[in-house]
Amino acid sequence: MIQKRNRDDILRQKIIELLEEMPIIAAVKNDEDCQKALSSDCKVIFLLYGTICNVGQLVDQIKAREKIAIVHLDLIEGLEHSVTAVEFIAACTEADGIISTKSAVIRAAKERGLFAVQRFFLLDSLAFENISRHIRQGTPDMVEILPGVMPKVIKKLTAISPVPVIAGGLILDKEDVICALSAGASAVSTSMQEVWKA
């Protein structure tokens, strides 16, 4: 158990260091985006598409370029966001981690040694107030908030979050990146290819 925890800590530290070096995460929604992300400066790729039949191959492409592959379980066709889906990703792919909105899925990912990003949609103040409870339930490695263009909210969340925060959604240009990082986000995720350059 101690050896597994050390491996988990090493992976977590590696990802955090890579994001300190290059805080922009390529969020890919199709094969074309994925190919461009593979050639980009981004060191971490959020896989936001695929099916149960090809997710392993997509992850292999990312890993072949020595990039971190994090699979958004909620968006992979044929996988429901469940503990079984986490087991499939851990056993049948080389993915480094997962993204999910579900605390139970985050817990299951952590138990299987996967890096876990919990995604939150901040639609109102009630959603914001519930984040702390969800973080405690799932114990993610990082949280991602959408939309990511809310500097005041990012600043408020980073002040209370025990884990690093990723700003995602509606990050359209370098100015949005700088705003989010200046407000305290550790990284941003975006599908805007123009922003993927260092």
C-alpha atoms as a PDB file:
ATOM      1  CA  MET A   1       0.000   0.000   0.000  1.00  0.00           C
ATOM      2  CA  ILE A   2       2.844   2.408   0.823  1.00  0.00           C
ATOM      3  CA  GLN A   3       4.503   1.674  -2.546  1.00  0.00           C
ATOM      4  CA  LYS A   4       1.206   2.387  -4.384  1.00  0.00           C
ATOM      5  CA  ARG A   5       0.783   5.660  -2.465  1.00  0.00           C
ATOM      6  CA  ASN A   6       4.340   6.669  -3.408  1.00  0.00           C
ATOM      7  CA  ARG A   7       3.596   5.979  -7.109  1.00  0.00           C
ATOM      8  CA  ASP A   8       0.414   8.031  -6.837  1.00  0.00           C
ATOM      9  CA  ASP A   9       2.293  10.902  -5.176  1.00  0.00           C
ATOM     10  CA  ILE A  10       5.016  10.765  -7.851  1.00  0.00           C
ATOM     11  CA  LEU A  11       2.423  10.930 -10.660  1.00  0.00           C
ATOM     12  CA  ARG A  12       0.586  13.798  -8.959  1.00  0.00           C
ATOM     13  CA  GLN A  13       3.825  15.716  -8.423  1.00  0.00           C
ATOM     14  CA  LYS A  14       4.909  15.119 -12.041  1.00  0.00           C
ATOM     15  CA  ILE A  15       1.628  16.481 -13.409  1.00  0.00           C
ATOM     16  CA  ILE A  16       1.709  19.510 -11.143  1.00  0.00           C
ATOM     17  CA  GLU A  17       5.326  20.243 -12.156  1.00  0.00           C
ATOM     18  CA  LEU A  18       4.450  19.912 -15.855  1.00  0.00           C
ATOM     19  CA  LEU A  19       1.575  22.357 -15.357  1.00  0.00           C
ATOM     20  CA  GLU A  20       3.868  24.794 -13.569  1.00  0.00           C
ATOM     21  CA  GLU A  21       6.171  24.612 -16.599  1.00  0.00           C
ATOM     22  CA  MET A  22       3.320  24.879 -19.154  1.00  0.00           C
ATOM     23  CA  PRO A  23      -0.003  25.803 -17.487  1.00  0.00           C
ATOM     24  CA  ILE A  24      -2.109  25.380 -20.614  1.00  0.00           C
ATOM     25  CA  ILE A  25      -3.941  22.067 -21.070  1.00  0.00           C
ATOM     26  CA  ALA A  26      -5.059  21.084 -24.566  1.00  0.00           C
ATOM     27  CA  ALA A  27      -8.703  20.001 -24.393  1.00  0.00           C
ATOM     28  CA  VAL A  28      -9.411  17.919 -27.505  1.00  0.00           C
ATOM     29  CA  LYS A  29     -12.849  17.116 -28.905  1.00  0.00           C
ATOM     30  CA  ASN A  30     -12.006  15.294 -32.149  1.00  0.00           C
ATOM     31  CA  ASP A  31      -9.197  13.581 -34.077  1.00  0.00           C
ATOM     32  CA  GLU A  32      -8.047  16.785 -35.772  1.00  0.00           C
ATOM     33  CA  ASP A  33      -7.727  18.606 -32.431  1.00  0.00           C
ATOM     34  CA  CYS A  34      -5.909  15.619 -30.982  1.00  0.00           C
ATOM     35  CA  GLN A  35      -3.328  15.581 -33.783  1.00  0.00           C
ATOM     36  CA  LYS A  36      -2.687  19.308 -33.337  1.00  0.00           C
ATOM     37  CA  ALA A  37      -2.417  18.914 -29.558  1.00  0.00           C
ATOM     38  CA  LEU A  38       0.161  16.165 -30.024  1.00  0.00           C
ATOM     39  CA  SER A  39       2.370  18.673 -31.873  1.00  0.00           C
ATOM     40  CA  SER A  40       1.647  21.548 -29.485  1.00  0.00           C
ATOM     41  CA  ASP A  41       3.661  22.830 -26.538  1.00  0.00           C
ATOM     42  CA  CYS A  42       1.017  21.469 -24.135  1.00  0.00           C
ATOM     43  CA  LYS A  43       2.284  18.707 -21.872  1.00  0.00           C
ATOM     44  CA  VAL A  44      -1.154  17.646 -20.608  1.00  0.00           C
ATOM     45  CA  ILE A  45      -4.080  16.676 -22.839  1.00  0.00           C
ATOM     46  CA  PHE A  46      -7.700  16.380 -21.723  1.00  0.00           C
ATOM     47  CA  LEU A  47      -9.391  13.790 -23.956  1.00  0.00           C
ATOM     48  CA  LEU A  48     -13.005  14.983 -24.301  1.00  0.00           C
ATOM     49  CA  TYR A  49     -14.167  12.520 -26.949  1.00  0.00           C
ATOM     50  CA  GLY A  50     -13.919   8.914 -28.029  1.00  0.00           C
ATOM     51  CA  THR A  51     -15.675   5.610 -27.564  1.00  0.00           C
ATOM     52  CA  ILE A  52     -15.098   2.539 -25.488  1.00  0.00           C
ATOM     53  CA  CYS A  53     -13.651   1.011 -28.694  1.00  0.00           C
ATOM     54  CA  ASN A  54     -11.001   3.659 -29.439  1.00  0.00           C
ATOM     55  CA  VAL A  55     -10.175   5.381 -26.146  1.00  0.00           C
ATOM     56  CA  GLY A  56      -7.192   3.086 -25.583  1.00  0.00           C
ATOM     57  CA  GLN A  57      -5.759   3.920 -29.015  1.00  0.00           C
ATOM     58  CA  LEU A  58      -6.260   7.650 -28.459  1.00  0.00           C
ATOM     59  CA  VAL A  59      -4.483   7.431 -25.108  1.00  0.00           C
ATOM     60  CA  ASP A  60      -1.647   5.452 -26.742  1.00  0.00           C
ATOM     61  CA  GLN A  61      -1.145   8.262 -29.276  1.00  0.00           C
ATOM     62  CA  ILE A  62      -0.882  10.811 -26.476  1.00  0.00           C
ATOM     63  CA  LYS A  63       1.483   8.656 -24.418  1.00  0.00           C
ATOM     64  CA  ALA A  64       3.670   7.999 -27.510  1.00  0.00           C
ATOM     65  CA  ARG A  65       4.366  11.764 -27.560  1.00  0.00           C
ATOM     66  CA  GLU A  66       5.300  11.605 -23.853  1.00  0.00           C
ATOM     67  CA  LYS A  67       2.322  13.718 -22.843  1.00  0.00           C
ATOM     68  CA  ILE A  68      -0.062  13.213 -19.930  1.00  0.00           C
ATOM     69  CA  ALA A  69      -3.401  11.698 -20.994  1.00  0.00           C
ATOM     70  CA  ILE A  70      -6.442  12.502 -18.871  1.00  0.00           C
ATOM     71  CA  VAL A  71      -9.738  11.019 -20.063  1.00  0.00           C
ATOM     72  CA  HIS A  72     -13.053  12.759 -19.409  1.00  0.00           C
ATOM     73  CA  LEU A  73     -15.108   9.704 -18.422  1.00  0.00           C
ATOM     74  CA  ASP A  74     -18.430  11.511 -18.695  1.00  0.00           C
ATOM     75  CA  LEU A  75     -17.804  12.136 -22.422  1.00  0.00           C
ATOM     76  CA  ILE A  76     -16.550   8.731 -23.631  1.00  0.00           C
ATOM     77  CA  GLU A  77     -19.277   6.996 -25.620  1.00  0.00           C
ATOM     78  CA  GLY A  78     -20.122   3.562 -24.245  1.00  0.00           C
ATOM     79  CA  LEU A  79     -18.734   4.330 -20.786  1.00  0.00           C
ATOM     80  CA  GLU A  80     -21.046   5.647 -18.147  1.00  0.00           C
ATOM     81  CA  HIS A  81     -19.512   7.723 -15.397  1.00  0.00           C
ATOM     82  CA  SER A  82     -19.273   4.875 -12.903  1.00  0.00           C
ATOM     83  CA  VAL A  83     -16.770   2.927 -10.847  1.00  0.00           C
ATOM     84  CA  THR A  84     -16.779   0.240 -13.558  1.00  0.00           C
ATOM     85  CA  ALA A  85     -15.743   2.843 -16.145  1.00  0.00           C
ATOM     86  CA  VAL A  86     -12.825   3.829 -13.897  1.00  0.00           C
ATOM     87  CA  GLU A  87     -11.814   0.170 -13.631  1.00  0.00           C
ATOM     88  CA  PHE A  88     -11.926  -0.122 -17.432  1.00  0.00           C
ATOM     89  CA  ILE A  89      -9.722   2.967 -17.928  1.00  0.00           C
ATOM     90  CA  ALA A  90      -7.237   1.744 -15.294  1.00  0.00           C
ATOM     91  CA  ALA A  91      -7.077  -1.839 -16.614  1.00  0.00           C
ATOM     92  CA  CYS A  92      -7.419  -1.376 -20.374  1.00  0.00           C
ATOM     93  CA  THR A  93      -5.638   1.914 -21.150  1.00  0.00           C
ATOM     94  CA  GLU A  94      -2.431   3.699 -20.226  1.00  0.00           C
ATOM     95  CA  ALA A  95      -4.307   6.863 -19.199  1.00  0.00           C
ATOM     96  CA  ASP A  96      -2.717   8.879 -16.415  1.00  0.00           C
ATOM     97  CA  GLY A  97      -6.011  10.108 -15.058  1.00  0.00           C
ATOM     98  CA  ILE A  98      -9.680  10.896 -15.464  1.00  0.00           C
ATOM     99  CA  ILE A  99     -12.055  13.834 -15.290  1.00  0.00           C
ATOM    100  CA  SER A 100     -15.560  13.510 -13.878  1.00  0.00           C
ATOM    101  CA  THR A 101     -18.260  15.543 -12.209  1.00  0.00           C
ATOM    102  CA  LYS A 102     -19.079  12.662  -9.827  1.00  0.00           C
ATOM    103  CA  SER A 103     -17.421  12.368  -6.381  1.00  0.00           C
ATOM    104  CA  ALA A 104     -17.796   8.559  -6.314  1.00  0.00           C
ATOM    105  CA  VAL A 105     -15.960   8.293  -9.642  1.00  0.00           C
ATOM    106  CA  ILE A 106     -13.189  10.568  -8.342  1.00  0.00           C
ATOM    107  CA  ARG A 107     -12.782   8.368  -5.237  1.00  0.00           C
ATOM    108  CA  ALA A 108     -12.650   5.228  -7.380  1.00  0.00           C
ATOM    109  CA  ALA A 109     -10.000   6.794  -9.630  1.00  0.00           C
ATOM    110  CA  LYS A 110      -7.850   7.705  -6.630  1.00  0.00           C
ATOM    111  CA  GLU A 111      -8.161   4.147  -5.279  1.00  0.00           C
ATOM    112  CA  ARG A 112      -6.867   2.824  -8.608  1.00  0.00           C
ATOM    113  CA  GLY A 113      -3.896   5.199  -8.739  1.00  0.00           C
ATOM    114  CA  LEU A 114      -5.287   7.507 -11.412  1.00  0.00           C
ATOM    115  CA  PHE A 115      -4.878  11.276 -11.283  1.00  0.00           C
ATOM    116  CA  ALA A 116      -8.372  12.662 -10.674  1.00  0.00           C
ATOM    117  CA  VAL A 117      -9.793  15.990 -11.834  1.00  0.00           C
ATOM    118  CA  GLN A 118     -13.258  16.864 -10.590  1.00  0.00           C
ATOM    119  CA  ARG A 119     -15.129  19.210 -12.907  1.00  0.00           C
ATOM    120  CA  PHE A 120     -17.629  21.754 -11.584  1.00  0.00           C
ATOM    121  CA  PHE A 121     -20.022  23.945 -13.539  1.00  0.00           C
ATOM    122  CA  LEU A 122     -20.419  27.196 -11.601  1.00  0.00           C
ATOM    123  CA  LEU A 123     -23.847  28.350 -12.613  1.00  0.00           C
ATOM    124  CA  ASP A 124     -24.756  30.206  -9.428  1.00  0.00           C
ATOM    125  CA  SER A 125     -23.717  30.851  -5.818  1.00  0.00           C
ATOM    126  CA  LEU A 126     -25.299  27.580  -4.636  1.00  0.00           C
ATOM    127  CA  ALA A 127     -23.048  25.607  -6.987  1.00  0.00           C
ATOM    128  CA  PHE A 128     -20.059  27.499  -5.602  1.00  0.00           C
ATOM    129  CA  GLU A 129     -21.078  26.751  -2.006  1.00  0.00           C
ATOM    130  CA  ASN A 130     -21.345  23.011  -2.767  1.00  0.00           C
ATOM    131  CA  ILE A 131     -17.790  22.719  -4.121  1.00  0.00           C
ATOM    132  CA  SER A 132     -16.142  22.318  -0.706  1.00  0.00           C
ATOM    133  CA  ARG A 133     -18.441  19.446   0.213  1.00  0.00           C
ATOM    134  CA  HIS A 134     -17.845  17.677  -3.100  1.00  0.00           C
ATOM    135  CA  ILE A 135     -14.076  18.094  -2.826  1.00  0.00           C
ATOM    136  CA  ARG A 136     -14.129  16.472   0.625  1.00  0.00           C
ATOM    137  CA  GLN A 137     -16.277  13.584  -0.676  1.00  0.00           C
ATOM    138  CA  GLY A 138     -14.132  12.808  -3.703  1.00  0.00           C
ATOM    139  CA  THR A 139     -10.664  14.074  -2.692  1.00  0.00           C
ATOM    140  CA  PRO A 140      -9.595  14.993  -6.253  1.00  0.00           C
ATOM    141  CA  ASP A 141      -6.021  15.900  -7.170  1.00  0.00           C
ATOM    142  CA  MET A 142      -7.286  19.020  -8.918  1.00  0.00           C
ATOM    143  CA  VAL A 143     -10.612  20.685  -9.572  1.00  0.00           C
ATOM    144  CA  GLU A 144     -11.669  22.270 -12.841  1.00  0.00           C
ATOM    145  CA  ILE A 145     -14.233  25.047 -12.854  1.00  0.00           C
ATOM    146  CA  LEU A 146     -16.267  26.117 -15.850  1.00  0.00           C
ATOM    147  CA  PRO A 147     -16.556  28.737 -17.120  1.00  0.00           C
ATOM    148  CA  GLY A 148     -12.961  29.692 -16.420  1.00  0.00           C
ATOM    149  CA  VAL A 149     -13.261  33.399 -17.183  1.00  0.00           C
ATOM    150  CA  MET A 150     -14.348  34.536 -13.728  1.00  0.00           C
ATOM    151  CA  PRO A 151     -11.285  36.005 -11.969  1.00  0.00           C
ATOM    152  CA  LYS A 152     -13.160  36.965  -8.774  1.00  0.00           C
ATOM    153  CA  VAL A 153     -14.641  33.478  -8.449  1.00  0.00           C
ATOM    154  CA  ILE A 154     -11.281  31.811  -9.210  1.00  0.00           C
ATOM    155  CA  LYS A 155      -9.619  33.922  -6.509  1.00  0.00           C
ATOM    156  CA  LYS A 156     -12.344  33.038  -4.002  1.00  0.00           C
ATOM    157  CA  LEU A 157     -12.196  29.329  -4.833  1.00  0.00           C
ATOM    158  CA  THR A 158      -8.401  29.069  -4.714  1.00  0.00           C
ATOM    159  CA  ALA A 159      -8.514  30.643  -1.260  1.00  0.00           C
ATOM    160  CA  ILE A 160     -10.667  27.787   0.082  1.00  0.00           C
ATOM    161  CA  SER A 161      -9.670  24.825  -2.110  1.00  0.00           C
ATOM    162  CA  PRO A 162      -7.198  22.337  -0.627  1.00  0.00           C
ATOM    163  CA  VAL A 163      -6.201  21.257  -4.172  1.00  0.00           C
ATOM    164  CA  PRO A 164      -5.036  23.213  -7.249  1.00  0.00           C
ATOM    165  CA  VAL A 165      -7.684  24.748  -9.502  1.00  0.00           C
ATOM    166  CA  ILE A 166      -7.924  24.538 -13.300  1.00  0.00           C
ATOM    167  CA  ALA A 167      -9.945  27.204 -15.134  1.00  0.00           C
ATOM    168  CA  GLY A 168     -11.732  25.759 -18.164  1.00  0.00           C
ATOM    169  CA  GLY A 169     -14.445  26.754 -20.569  1.00  0.00           C
ATOM    170  CA  LEU A 170     -14.590  29.968 -22.591  1.00  0.00           C
ATOM    171  CA  ILE A 171     -10.808  30.467 -22.420  1.00  0.00           C
ATOM    172  CA  LEU A 172     -10.504  32.132 -25.811  1.00  0.00           C
ATOM    173  CA  ASP A 173      -7.122  33.871 -25.865  1.00  0.00           C
ATOM    174  CA  LYS A 174      -3.879  34.556 -23.994  1.00  0.00           C
ATOM    175  CA  GLU A 175      -5.543  37.410 -22.094  1.00  0.00           C
ATOM    176  CA  ASP A 176      -8.046  34.931 -20.607  1.00  0.00           C
ATOM    177  CA  VAL A 177      -5.135  32.632 -19.682  1.00  0.00           C
ATOM    178  CA  ILE A 178      -3.244  35.449 -17.961  1.00  0.00           C
ATOM    179  CA  CYS A 179      -6.390  36.572 -16.106  1.00  0.00           C
ATOM    180  CA  ALA A 180      -7.154  33.072 -14.827  1.00  0.00           C
ATOM    181  CA  LEU A 181      -3.558  32.390 -13.763  1.00  0.00           C
ATOM    182  CA  SER A 182      -3.274  35.825 -12.130  1.00  0.00           C
ATOM    183  CA  ALA A 183      -6.456  35.098 -10.156  1.00  0.00           C
ATOM    184  CA  GLY A 184      -4.830  31.953  -8.718  1.00  0.00           C
ATOM    185  CA  ALA A 185      -5.647  29.129 -11.136  1.00  0.00           C
ATOM    186  CA  SER A 186      -2.799  26.622 -11.427  1.00  0.00           C
ATOM    187  CA  ALA A 187      -3.637  25.887 -15.071  1.00  0.00           C
ATOM    188  CA  VAL A 188      -6.231  26.470 -17.769  1.00  0.00           C
ATOM    189  CA  SER A 189      -7.838  23.975 -20.127  1.00  0.00           C
ATOM    190  CA  THR A 190      -8.952  25.109 -23.535  1.00  0.00           C
ATOM    191  CA  SER A 191      -9.865  23.765 -26.949  1.00  0.00           C
ATOM    192  CA  MET A 192      -8.630  26.993 -28.603  1.00  0.00           C
ATOM    193  CA  GLN A 193      -5.567  25.839 -30.533  1.00  0.00           C
ATOM    194  CA  GLU A 194      -4.129  29.365 -30.803  1.00  0.00           C
ATOM    195  CA  VAL A 195      -3.674  29.323 -27.014  1.00  0.00           C
ATOM    196  CA  TRP A 196      -1.781  26.012 -26.930  1.00  0.00           C
ATOM    197  CA  LYS A 197       1.558  27.700 -27.642  1.00  0.00           C
ATOM    198  CA  ALA A 198       3.900  28.498 -24.757  1.00  0.00           C
END
